[in-house]
Each structure stands twice: as C-alpha cells, then as structure tokens.
Amino acid sequence: MKHSIVIIPWKKGLHLRPAAKIMMLAQRFQSSIILKVNLRLANAKSLLAMLLLSATFETAVNLEVSGTDEEAAFKAMDAAFESKLTGHDR
C-alpha cells in the first residue's frame, strides 16, 4: 500500500468538476484508491462519496492506494492534486 497526504488545491474545495475528473482518473486503475478526511472515507471511484467528504480549500486528505497497479495509480492521483487537474479554479 502507498499513502501520502495531499492538500485540496481548489479554492472552492473538492467540488463537482475536480471530483469528476479524479473519479475518471481513478477508474482507469484496478487498485483501490481511498481518500480520508478525519474519520470520513471515500472511494475515489465514486463521485458522490468524494463530494460527501466536504473537503474545503487546503484540507489535508490522506490518499491511500493499494492493488496490482498501485504505483501507477498513486503517481497519477498525486500528480492530479499537485497540478490542480482542471486549470479552471475560479
């Protein structure tokens, strides 16, 4: 299992647009991709689960990836948060 702390980079928090892009990215991998905020868990392959995290701007999120392609999945997810993924942060 690989894990790290990522910070929500979007001024509006983890809202619909970035959550949808994260979900589509996560669905490319077989590995389990879990986001944790405090005691709340979300499968990154579930749009609703991520939205229910209510992760606001600069919230620390624990990213956990495990499975057969965890290395590639971890790198892709980590990069998605680092690059802000969408470029449409208004």
PDB file of N, CA and C in Angstrom:
ATOM      1  N   MET A   1       0.848  -1.177   0.000  1.00  0.00           N
ATOM      2  CA  MET A   1       0.000   0.000   0.000  1.00  0.00           C
ATOM      3  C   MET A   1       0.891   1.237   0.000  1.00  0.00           C
ATOM      4  N   LYS A   2       0.471   2.240  -0.775  1.00  0.00           N
ATOM      5  CA  LYS A   2       1.170   3.523  -0.822  1.00  0.00           C
ATOM      6  C   LYS A   2       0.224   4.571  -0.261  1.00  0.00           C
ATOM      7  N   HIS A   3       0.786   5.515   0.471  1.00  0.00           N
ATOM      8  CA  HIS A   3      -0.069   6.573   1.001  1.00  0.00           C
ATOM      9  C   HIS A   3       0.718   7.862   1.156  1.00  0.00           C
ATOM     10  N   SER A   4      -0.013   8.962   1.126  1.00  0.00           N
ATOM     11  CA  SER A   4       0.565  10.282   1.356  1.00  0.00           C
ATOM     12  C   SER A   4      -0.549  11.243   1.743  1.00  0.00           C
ATOM     13  N   ILE A   5      -0.151  12.410   2.136  1.00  0.00           N
ATOM     14  CA  ILE A   5      -1.106  13.473   2.434  1.00  0.00           C
ATOM     15  C   ILE A   5      -1.097  14.432   1.251  1.00  0.00           C
ATOM     16  N   VAL A   6      -2.277  14.689   0.696  1.00  0.00           N
ATOM     17  CA  VAL A   6      -2.416  15.673  -0.372  1.00  0.00           C
ATOM     18  C   VAL A   6      -3.281  16.809   0.157  1.00  0.00           C
ATOM     19  N   ILE A   7      -3.079  17.976  -0.388  1.00  0.00           N
ATOM     20  CA  ILE A   7      -3.823  19.159   0.041  1.00  0.00           C
ATOM     21  C   ILE A   7      -4.791  19.554  -1.072  1.00  0.00           C
ATOM     22  N   ILE A   8      -6.027  19.855  -0.692  1.00  0.00           N
ATOM     23  CA  ILE A   8      -7.027  20.283  -1.680  1.00  0.00           C
ATOM     24  C   ILE A   8      -6.607  21.645  -2.233  1.00  0.00           C
ATOM     25  N   PRO A   9      -6.281  21.724  -3.528  1.00  0.00           N
ATOM     26  CA  PRO A   9      -5.763  22.966  -4.101  1.00  0.00           C
ATOM     27  C   PRO A   9      -6.826  23.903  -4.693  1.00  0.00           C
ATOM     28  N   TRP A  10      -8.067  23.453  -4.752  1.00  0.00           N
ATOM     29  CA  TRP A  10      -9.102  24.245  -5.407  1.00  0.00           C
ATOM     30  C   TRP A  10      -9.765  25.200  -4.426  1.00  0.00           C
ATOM     31  N   LYS A  11      -9.879  26.459  -4.806  1.00  0.00           N
ATOM     32  CA  LYS A  11     -10.434  27.482  -3.908  1.00  0.00           C
ATOM     33  C   LYS A  11     -11.848  27.152  -3.456  1.00  0.00           C
ATOM     34  N   LYS A  12     -12.599  26.455  -4.288  1.00  0.00           N
ATOM     35  CA  LYS A  12     -13.969  26.059  -3.928  1.00  0.00           C
ATOM     36  C   LYS A  12     -14.007  24.681  -3.275  1.00  0.00           C
ATOM     37  N   GLY A  13     -12.850  24.132  -2.973  1.00  0.00           N
ATOM     38  CA  GLY A  13     -12.779  22.817  -2.338  1.00  0.00           C
ATOM     39  C   GLY A  13     -12.926  21.709  -3.372  1.00  0.00           C
ATOM     40  N   LEU A  14     -13.141  20.512  -2.887  1.00  0.00           N
ATOM     41  CA  LEU A  14     -13.317  19.350  -3.767  1.00  0.00           C
ATOM     42  C   LEU A  14     -14.759  19.357  -4.259  1.00  0.00           C
ATOM     43  N   HIS A  15     -15.018  20.193  -5.248  1.00  0.00           N
ATOM     44  CA  HIS A  15     -16.368  20.349  -5.780  1.00  0.00           C
ATOM     45  C   HIS A  15     -16.563  19.439  -6.995  1.00  0.00           C
ATOM     46  N   LEU A  16     -17.663  19.578  -7.669  1.00  0.00           N
ATOM     47  CA  LEU A  16     -18.076  18.641  -8.713  1.00  0.00           C
ATOM     48  C   LEU A  16     -17.052  18.462  -9.834  1.00  0.00           C
ATOM     49  N   ARG A  17     -16.532  19.544 -10.394  1.00  0.00           N
ATOM     50  CA  ARG A  17     -15.629  19.419 -11.545  1.00  0.00           C
ATOM     51  C   ARG A  17     -14.354  18.637 -11.195  1.00  0.00           C
ATOM     52  N   PRO A  18     -13.589  19.034 -10.173  1.00  0.00           N
ATOM     53  CA  PRO A  18     -12.385  18.250  -9.885  1.00  0.00           C
ATOM     54  C   PRO A  18     -12.704  16.840  -9.380  1.00  0.00           C
ATOM     55  N   ALA A  19     -13.794  16.686  -8.648  1.00  0.00           N
ATOM     56  CA  ALA A  19     -14.159  15.348  -8.169  1.00  0.00           C
ATOM     57  C   ALA A  19     -14.472  14.430  -9.345  1.00  0.00           C
ATOM     58  N   ALA A  20     -15.153  14.943 -10.357  1.00  0.00           N
ATOM     59  CA  ALA A  20     -15.472  14.134 -11.535  1.00  0.00           C
ATOM     60  C   ALA A  20     -14.198  13.741 -12.277  1.00  0.00           C
ATOM     61  N   LYS A  21     -13.264  14.662 -12.384  1.00  0.00           N
ATOM     62  CA  LYS A  21     -12.014  14.350 -13.078  1.00  0.00           C
ATOM     63  C   LYS A  21     -11.181  13.341 -12.289  1.00  0.00           C
ATOM     64  N   ILE A  22     -11.179  13.470 -10.967  1.00  0.00           N
ATOM     65  CA  ILE A  22     -10.473  12.497 -10.133  1.00  0.00           C
ATOM     66  C   ILE A  22     -11.119  11.120 -10.272  1.00  0.00           C
ATOM     67  N   MET A  23     -12.451  11.089 -10.276  1.00  0.00           N
ATOM     68  CA  MET A  23     -13.160   9.823 -10.421  1.00  0.00           C
ATOM     69  C   MET A  23     -12.802   9.149 -11.744  1.00  0.00           C
ATOM     70  N   MET A  24     -12.822   9.915 -12.839  1.00  0.00           N
ATOM     71  CA  MET A  24     -12.497   9.332 -14.147  1.00  0.00           C
ATOM     72  C   MET A  24     -11.054   8.828 -14.189  1.00  0.00           C
ATOM     73  N   LEU A  25     -10.152   9.552 -13.549  1.00  0.00           N
ATOM     74  CA  LEU A  25      -8.763   9.117 -13.471  1.00  0.00           C
ATOM     75  C   LEU A  25      -8.656   7.832 -12.647  1.00  0.00           C
ATOM     76  N   ALA A  26      -9.298   7.798 -11.494  1.00  0.00           N
ATOM     77  CA  ALA A  26      -9.242   6.634 -10.605  1.00  0.00           C
ATOM     78  C   ALA A  26      -9.814   5.385 -11.265  1.00  0.00           C
ATOM     79  N   GLN A  27     -10.834   5.558 -12.086  1.00  0.00           N
ATOM     80  CA  GLN A  27     -11.472   4.404 -12.720  1.00  0.00           C
ATOM     81  C   GLN A  27     -10.595   3.740 -13.774  1.00  0.00           C
ATOM     82  N   ARG A  28      -9.492   4.367 -14.146  1.00  0.00           N
ATOM     83  CA  ARG A  28      -8.564   3.769 -15.099  1.00  0.00           C
ATOM     84  C   ARG A  28      -7.715   2.660 -14.462  1.00  0.00           C
ATOM     85  N   PHE A  29      -7.722   2.606 -13.143  1.00  0.00           N
ATOM     86  CA  PHE A  29      -6.848   1.677 -12.423  1.00  0.00           C
ATOM     87  C   PHE A  29      -7.651   0.607 -11.712  1.00  0.00           C
ATOM     88  N   GLN A  30      -7.017  -0.549 -11.530  1.00  0.00           N
ATOM     89  CA  GLN A  30      -7.655  -1.642 -10.795  1.00  0.00           C
ATOM     90  C   GLN A  30      -7.502  -1.466  -9.289  1.00  0.00           C
ATOM     91  N   SER A  31      -6.494  -0.731  -8.874  1.00  0.00           N
ATOM     92  CA  SER A  31      -6.200  -0.568  -7.453  1.00  0.00           C
ATOM     93  C   SER A  31      -7.328   0.154  -6.713  1.00  0.00           C
ATOM     94  N   SER A  32      -7.396  -0.107  -5.432  1.00  0.00           N
ATOM     95  CA  SER A  32      -8.305   0.610  -4.546  1.00  0.00           C
ATOM     96  C   SER A  32      -7.680   1.974  -4.240  1.00  0.00           C
ATOM     97  N   ILE A  33      -8.453   3.035  -4.407  1.00  0.00           N
ATOM     98  CA  ILE A  33      -7.971   4.393  -4.153  1.00  0.00           C
ATOM     99  C   ILE A  33      -8.930   5.035  -3.164  1.00  0.00           C
ATOM    100  N   ILE A  34      -8.423   5.280  -1.965  1.00  0.00           N
ATOM    101  CA  ILE A  34      -9.250   5.793  -0.875  1.00  0.00           C
ATOM    102  C   ILE A  34      -8.757   7.176  -0.457  1.00  0.00           C
ATOM    103  N   LEU A  35      -9.693   8.084  -0.254  1.00  0.00           N
ATOM    104  CA  LEU A  35      -9.399   9.404   0.289  1.00  0.00           C
ATOM    105  C   LEU A  35      -9.989   9.467   1.687  1.00  0.00           C
ATOM    106  N   LYS A  36      -9.208   9.967   2.650  1.00  0.00           N
ATOM    107  CA  LYS A  36      -9.667  10.066   4.036  1.00  0.00           C
ATOM    108  C   LYS A  36      -9.545  11.502   4.514  1.00  0.00           C
ATOM    109  N   VAL A  37     -10.618  11.997   5.099  1.00  0.00           N
ATOM    110  CA  VAL A  37     -10.622  13.306   5.754  1.00  0.00           C
ATOM    111  C   VAL A  37     -11.201  13.075   7.143  1.00  0.00           C
ATOM    112  N   ASN A  38     -10.359  13.264   8.149  1.00  0.00           N
ATOM    113  CA  ASN A  38     -10.752  12.963   9.533  1.00  0.00           C
ATOM    114  C   ASN A  38     -11.247  11.517   9.603  1.00  0.00           C
ATOM    115  N   LEU A  39     -12.480  11.284   9.983  1.00  0.00           N
ATOM    116  CA  LEU A  39     -12.998   9.918  10.094  1.00  0.00           C
ATOM    117  C   LEU A  39     -13.803   9.490   8.867  1.00  0.00           C
ATOM    118  N   ARG A  40     -13.887  10.366   7.865  1.00  0.00           N
ATOM    119  CA  ARG A  40     -14.671  10.064   6.667  1.00  0.00           C
ATOM    120  C   ARG A  40     -13.780   9.442   5.596  1.00  0.00           C
ATOM    121  N   LEU A  41     -14.307   8.413   4.957  1.00  0.00           N
ATOM    122  CA  LEU A  41     -13.597   7.704   3.887  1.00  0.00           C
ATOM    123  C   LEU A  41     -14.380   7.847   2.593  1.00  0.00           C
ATOM    124  N   ALA A  42     -13.648   7.923   1.463  1.00  0.00           N
ATOM    125  CA  ALA A  42     -14.312   7.962   0.167  1.00  0.00           C
ATOM    126  C   ALA A  42     -13.522   7.141  -0.837  1.00  0.00           C
ATOM    127  N   ASN A  43     -14.228   6.339  -1.586  1.00  0.00           N
ATOM    128  CA  ASN A  43     -13.646   5.626  -2.707  1.00  0.00           C
ATOM    129  C   ASN A  43     -13.510   6.662  -3.825  1.00  0.00           C
ATOM    130  N   ALA A  44     -12.305   6.857  -4.347  1.00  0.00           N
ATOM    131  CA  ALA A  44     -12.085   7.856  -5.389  1.00  0.00           C
ATOM    132  C   ALA A  44     -12.783   7.498  -6.696  1.00  0.00           C
ATOM    133  N   LYS A  45     -13.313   6.300  -6.790  1.00  0.00           N
ATOM    134  CA  LYS A  45     -14.053   5.888  -7.984  1.00  0.00           C
ATOM    135  C   LYS A  45     -15.533   6.232  -7.868  1.00  0.00           C
ATOM    136  N   SER A  46     -15.914   6.872  -6.752  1.00  0.00           N
ATOM    137  CA  SER A  46     -17.302   7.251  -6.504  1.00  0.00           C
ATOM    138  C   SER A  46     -17.408   8.769  -6.359  1.00  0.00           C
ATOM    139  N   LEU A  47     -18.086   9.395  -7.297  1.00  0.00           N
ATOM    140  CA  LEU A  47     -18.261  10.850  -7.279  1.00  0.00           C
ATOM    141  C   LEU A  47     -18.979  11.301  -6.013  1.00  0.00           C
ATOM    142  N   LEU A  48     -20.087  10.663  -5.693  1.00  0.00           N
ATOM    143  CA  LEU A  48     -20.859  11.045  -4.519  1.00  0.00           C
ATOM    144  C   LEU A  48     -20.056  10.899  -3.231  1.00  0.00           C
ATOM    145  N   ALA A  49     -19.316   9.825  -3.110  1.00  0.00           N
ATOM    146  CA  ALA A  49     -18.509   9.600  -1.905  1.00  0.00           C
ATOM    147  C   ALA A  49     -17.498  10.725  -1.716  1.00  0.00           C
ATOM    148  N   MET A  50     -16.858  11.149  -2.810  1.00  0.00           N
ATOM    149  CA  MET A  50     -15.879  12.238  -2.689  1.00  0.00           C
ATOM    150  C   MET A  50     -16.552  13.556  -2.314  1.00  0.00           C
ATOM    151  N   LEU A  51     -17.705  13.837  -2.901  1.00  0.00           N
ATOM    152  CA  LEU A  51     -18.413  15.079  -2.576  1.00  0.00           C
ATOM    153  C   LEU A  51     -18.846  15.101  -1.110  1.00  0.00           C
ATOM    154  N   LEU A  52     -19.185  13.932  -0.580  1.00  0.00           N
ATOM    155  CA  LEU A  52     -19.618  13.855   0.817  1.00  0.00           C
ATOM    156  C   LEU A  52     -18.476  14.057   1.815  1.00  0.00           C
ATOM    157  N   LEU A  53     -17.241  14.058   1.335  1.00  0.00           N
ATOM    158  CA  LEU A  53     -16.111  14.366   2.223  1.00  0.00           C
ATOM    159  C   LEU A  53     -16.165  15.822   2.684  1.00  0.00           C
ATOM    160  N   SER A  54     -16.815  16.676   1.889  1.00  0.00           N
ATOM    161  CA  SER A  54     -16.901  18.117   2.183  1.00  0.00           C
ATOM    162  C   SER A  54     -15.514  18.714   2.411  1.00  0.00           C
ATOM    163  N   ALA A  55     -14.576  18.339   1.562  1.00  0.00           N
ATOM    164  CA  ALA A  55     -13.194  18.797   1.691  1.00  0.00           C
ATOM    165  C   ALA A  55     -13.065  20.206   1.114  1.00  0.00           C
ATOM    166  N   THR A  56     -12.724  21.152   1.960  1.00  0.00           N
ATOM    167  CA  THR A  56     -12.599  22.545   1.557  1.00  0.00           C
ATOM    168  C   THR A  56     -11.159  22.862   1.139  1.00  0.00           C
ATOM    169  N   PHE A  57     -10.958  24.061   0.651  1.00  0.00           N
ATOM    170  CA  PHE A  57      -9.650  24.540   0.210  1.00  0.00           C
ATOM    171  C   PHE A  57      -8.612  24.322   1.311  1.00  0.00           C
ATOM    172  N   GLU A  58      -7.491  23.748   0.920  1.00  0.00           N
ATOM    173  CA  GLU A  58      -6.344  23.465   1.782  1.00  0.00           C
ATOM    174  C   GLU A  58      -6.588  22.409   2.857  1.00  0.00           C
ATOM    175  N   THR A  59      -7.644  21.614   2.700  1.00  0.00           N
ATOM    176  CA  THR A  59      -7.871  20.482   3.595  1.00  0.00           C
ATOM    177  C   THR A  59      -6.817  19.410   3.311  1.00  0.00           C
ATOM    178  N   ALA A  60      -6.263  18.835   4.360  1.00  0.00           N
ATOM    179  CA  ALA A  60      -5.322  17.718   4.217  1.00  0.00           C
ATOM    180  C   ALA A  60      -6.121  16.431   4.035  1.00  0.00           C
ATOM    181  N   VAL A  61      -5.803  15.711   2.979  1.00  0.00           N
ATOM    182  CA  VAL A  61      -6.501  14.471   2.653  1.00  0.00           C
ATOM    183  C   VAL A  61      -5.474  13.343   2.607  1.00  0.00           C
ATOM    184  N   ASN A  62      -5.769  12.256   3.296  1.00  0.00           N
ATOM    185  CA  ASN A  62      -4.900  11.091   3.267  1.00  0.00           C
ATOM    186  C   ASN A  62      -5.269  10.266   2.036  1.00  0.00           C
ATOM    187  N   LEU A  63      -4.325  10.092   1.134  1.00  0.00           N
ATOM    188  CA  LEU A  63      -4.506   9.307  -0.082  1.00  0.00           C
ATOM    189  C   LEU A  63      -3.893   7.935   0.137  1.00  0.00           C
ATOM    190  N   GLU A  64      -4.694   6.880  -0.010  1.00  0.00           N
ATOM    191  CA  GLU A  64      -4.212   5.509   0.146  1.00  0.00           C
ATOM    192  C   GLU A  64      -4.528   4.712  -1.105  1.00  0.00           C
ATOM    193  N   VAL A  65      -3.521   4.087  -1.663  1.00  0.00           N
ATOM    194  CA  VAL A  65      -3.683   3.298  -2.887  1.00  0.00           C
ATOM    195  C   VAL A  65      -3.100   1.910  -2.651  1.00  0.00           C
ATOM    196  N   SER A  66      -3.874   0.889  -2.988  1.00  0.00           N
ATOM    197  CA  SER A  66      -3.364  -0.478  -2.874  1.00  0.00           C
ATOM    198  C   SER A  66      -3.941  -1.336  -3.990  1.00  0.00           C
ATOM    199  N   GLY A  67      -3.105  -2.219  -4.515  1.00  0.00           N
ATOM    200  CA  GLY A  67      -3.562  -3.112  -5.572  1.00  0.00           C
ATOM    201  C   GLY A  67      -2.455  -3.420  -6.553  1.00  0.00           C
ATOM    202  N   THR A  68      -2.835  -4.068  -7.630  1.00  0.00           N
ATOM    203  CA  THR A  68      -1.860  -4.555  -8.592  1.00  0.00           C
ATOM    204  C   THR A  68      -1.142  -3.447  -9.350  1.00  0.00           C
ATOM    205  N   ASP A  69      -1.796  -2.335  -9.574  1.00  0.00           N
ATOM    206  CA  ASP A  69      -1.173  -1.227 -10.304  1.00  0.00           C
ATOM    207  C   ASP A  69      -1.030   0.010  -9.414  1.00  0.00           C
ATOM    208  N   GLU A  70      -0.768  -0.234  -8.126  1.00  0.00           N
ATOM    209  CA  GLU A  70      -0.753   0.850  -7.156  1.00  0.00           C
ATOM    210  C   GLU A  70       0.300   1.914  -7.446  1.00  0.00           C
ATOM    211  N   GLU A  71       1.446   1.539  -7.955  1.00  0.00           N
ATOM    212  CA  GLU A  71       2.498   2.521  -8.220  1.00  0.00           C
ATOM    213  C   GLU A  71       2.029   3.546  -9.256  1.00  0.00           C
ATOM    214  N   ALA A  72       1.487   3.078 -10.366  1.00  0.00           N
ATOM    215  CA  ALA A  72       0.999   3.984 -11.418  1.00  0.00           C
ATOM    216  C   ALA A  72      -0.200   4.787 -10.928  1.00  0.00           C
ATOM    217  N   ALA A  73      -1.111   4.136 -10.208  1.00  0.00           N
ATOM    218  CA  ALA A  73      -2.291   4.823  -9.702  1.00  0.00           C
ATOM    219  C   ALA A  73      -1.901   5.903  -8.698  1.00  0.00           C
ATOM    220  N   PHE A  74      -0.974   5.582  -7.824  1.00  0.00           N
ATOM    221  CA  PHE A  74      -0.532   6.542  -6.817  1.00  0.00           C
ATOM    222  C   PHE A  74       0.099   7.771  -7.476  1.00  0.00           C
ATOM    223  N   LYS A  75       0.973   7.541  -8.430  1.00  0.00           N
ATOM    224  CA  LYS A  75       1.633   8.656  -9.118  1.00  0.00           C
ATOM    225  C   LYS A  75       0.618   9.535  -9.842  1.00  0.00           C
ATOM    226  N   ALA A  76      -0.346   8.919 -10.504  1.00  0.00           N
ATOM    227  CA  ALA A  76      -1.360   9.676 -11.242  1.00  0.00           C
ATOM    228  C   ALA A  76      -2.234  10.502 -10.300  1.00  0.00           C
ATOM    229  N   MET A  77      -2.651   9.911  -9.188  1.00  0.00           N
ATOM    230  CA  MET A  77      -3.517  10.626  -8.243  1.00  0.00           C
ATOM    231  C   MET A  77      -2.760  11.753  -7.553  1.00  0.00           C
ATOM    232  N   ASP A  78      -1.540  11.481  -7.150  1.00  0.00           N
ATOM    233  CA  ASP A  78      -0.729  12.505  -6.502  1.00  0.00           C
ATOM    234  C   ASP A  78      -0.506  13.678  -7.457  1.00  0.00           C
ATOM    235  N   ALA A  79      -0.209  13.382  -8.703  1.00  0.00           N
ATOM    236  CA  ALA A  79       0.007  14.425  -9.710  1.00  0.00           C
ATOM    237  C   ALA A  79      -1.270  15.226  -9.964  1.00  0.00           C
ATOM    238  N   ALA A  80      -2.425  14.566  -9.895  1.00  0.00           N
ATOM    239  CA  ALA A  80      -3.695  15.259 -10.124  1.00  0.00           C
ATOM    240  C   ALA A  80      -3.922  16.344  -9.083  1.00  0.00           C
ATOM    241  N   PHE A  81      -3.580  16.066  -7.842  1.00  0.00           N
ATOM    242  CA  PHE A  81      -3.744  17.072  -6.799  1.00  0.00           C
ATOM    243  C   PHE A  81      -2.678  18.154  -6.905  1.00  0.00           C
ATOM    244  N   GLU A  82      -1.469  17.779  -7.269  1.00  0.00           N
ATOM    245  CA  GLU A  82      -0.374  18.742  -7.393  1.00  0.00           C
ATOM    246  C   GLU A  82      -0.615  19.728  -8.527  1.00  0.00           C
ATOM    247  N   SER A  83      -1.161  19.251  -9.636  1.00  0.00           N
ATOM    248  CA  SER A  83      -1.333  20.103 -10.815  1.00  0.00           C
ATOM    249  C   SER A  83      -2.671  20.827 -10.833  1.00  0.00           C
ATOM    250  N   LYS A  84      -3.482  20.610  -9.829  1.00  0.00           N
ATOM    251  CA  LYS A  84      -4.848  21.143  -9.732  1.00  0.00           C
ATOM    252  C   LYS A  84      -5.766  20.526 -10.780  1.00  0.00           C
ATOM    253  N   LEU A  85      -5.274  19.616 -11.602  1.00  0.00           N
ATOM    254  CA  LEU A  85      -6.031  18.787 -12.529  1.00  0.00           C
ATOM    255  C   LEU A  85      -6.830  19.534 -13.583  1.00  0.00           C
ATOM    256  N   THR A  86      -7.616  20.540 -13.220  1.00  0.00           N
ATOM    257  CA  THR A  86      -8.541  21.138 -14.167  1.00  0.00           C
ATOM    258  C   THR A  86      -8.034  22.416 -14.810  1.00  0.00           C
ATOM    259  N   GLY A  87      -7.313  23.233 -14.069  1.00  0.00           N
ATOM    260  CA  GLY A  87      -6.906  24.521 -14.590  1.00  0.00           C
ATOM    261  C   GLY A  87      -8.024  25.538 -14.601  1.00  0.00           C
ATOM    262  N   HIS A  88      -9.188  25.195 -14.087  1.00  0.00           N
ATOM    263  CA  HIS A  88     -10.349  26.101 -14.069  1.00  0.00           C
ATOM    264  C   HIS A  88     -10.716  26.463 -12.636  1.00  0.00           C
ATOM    265  N   ASP A  89      -9.785  26.980 -11.897  1.00  0.00           N
ATOM    266  CA  ASP A  89     -10.030  27.282 -10.487  1.00  0.00           C
ATOM    267  C   ASP A  89     -10.544  28.712 -10.346  1.00  0.00           C
ATOM    268  N   ARG A  90     -11.849  28.846 -10.327  1.00  0.00           N
ATOM    269  CA  ARG A  90     -12.469  30.182 -10.198  1.00  0.00           C
ATOM    270  C   ARG A  90     -13.261  30.278  -8.939  1.00  0.00           C
TER     271      ARG A  90
END
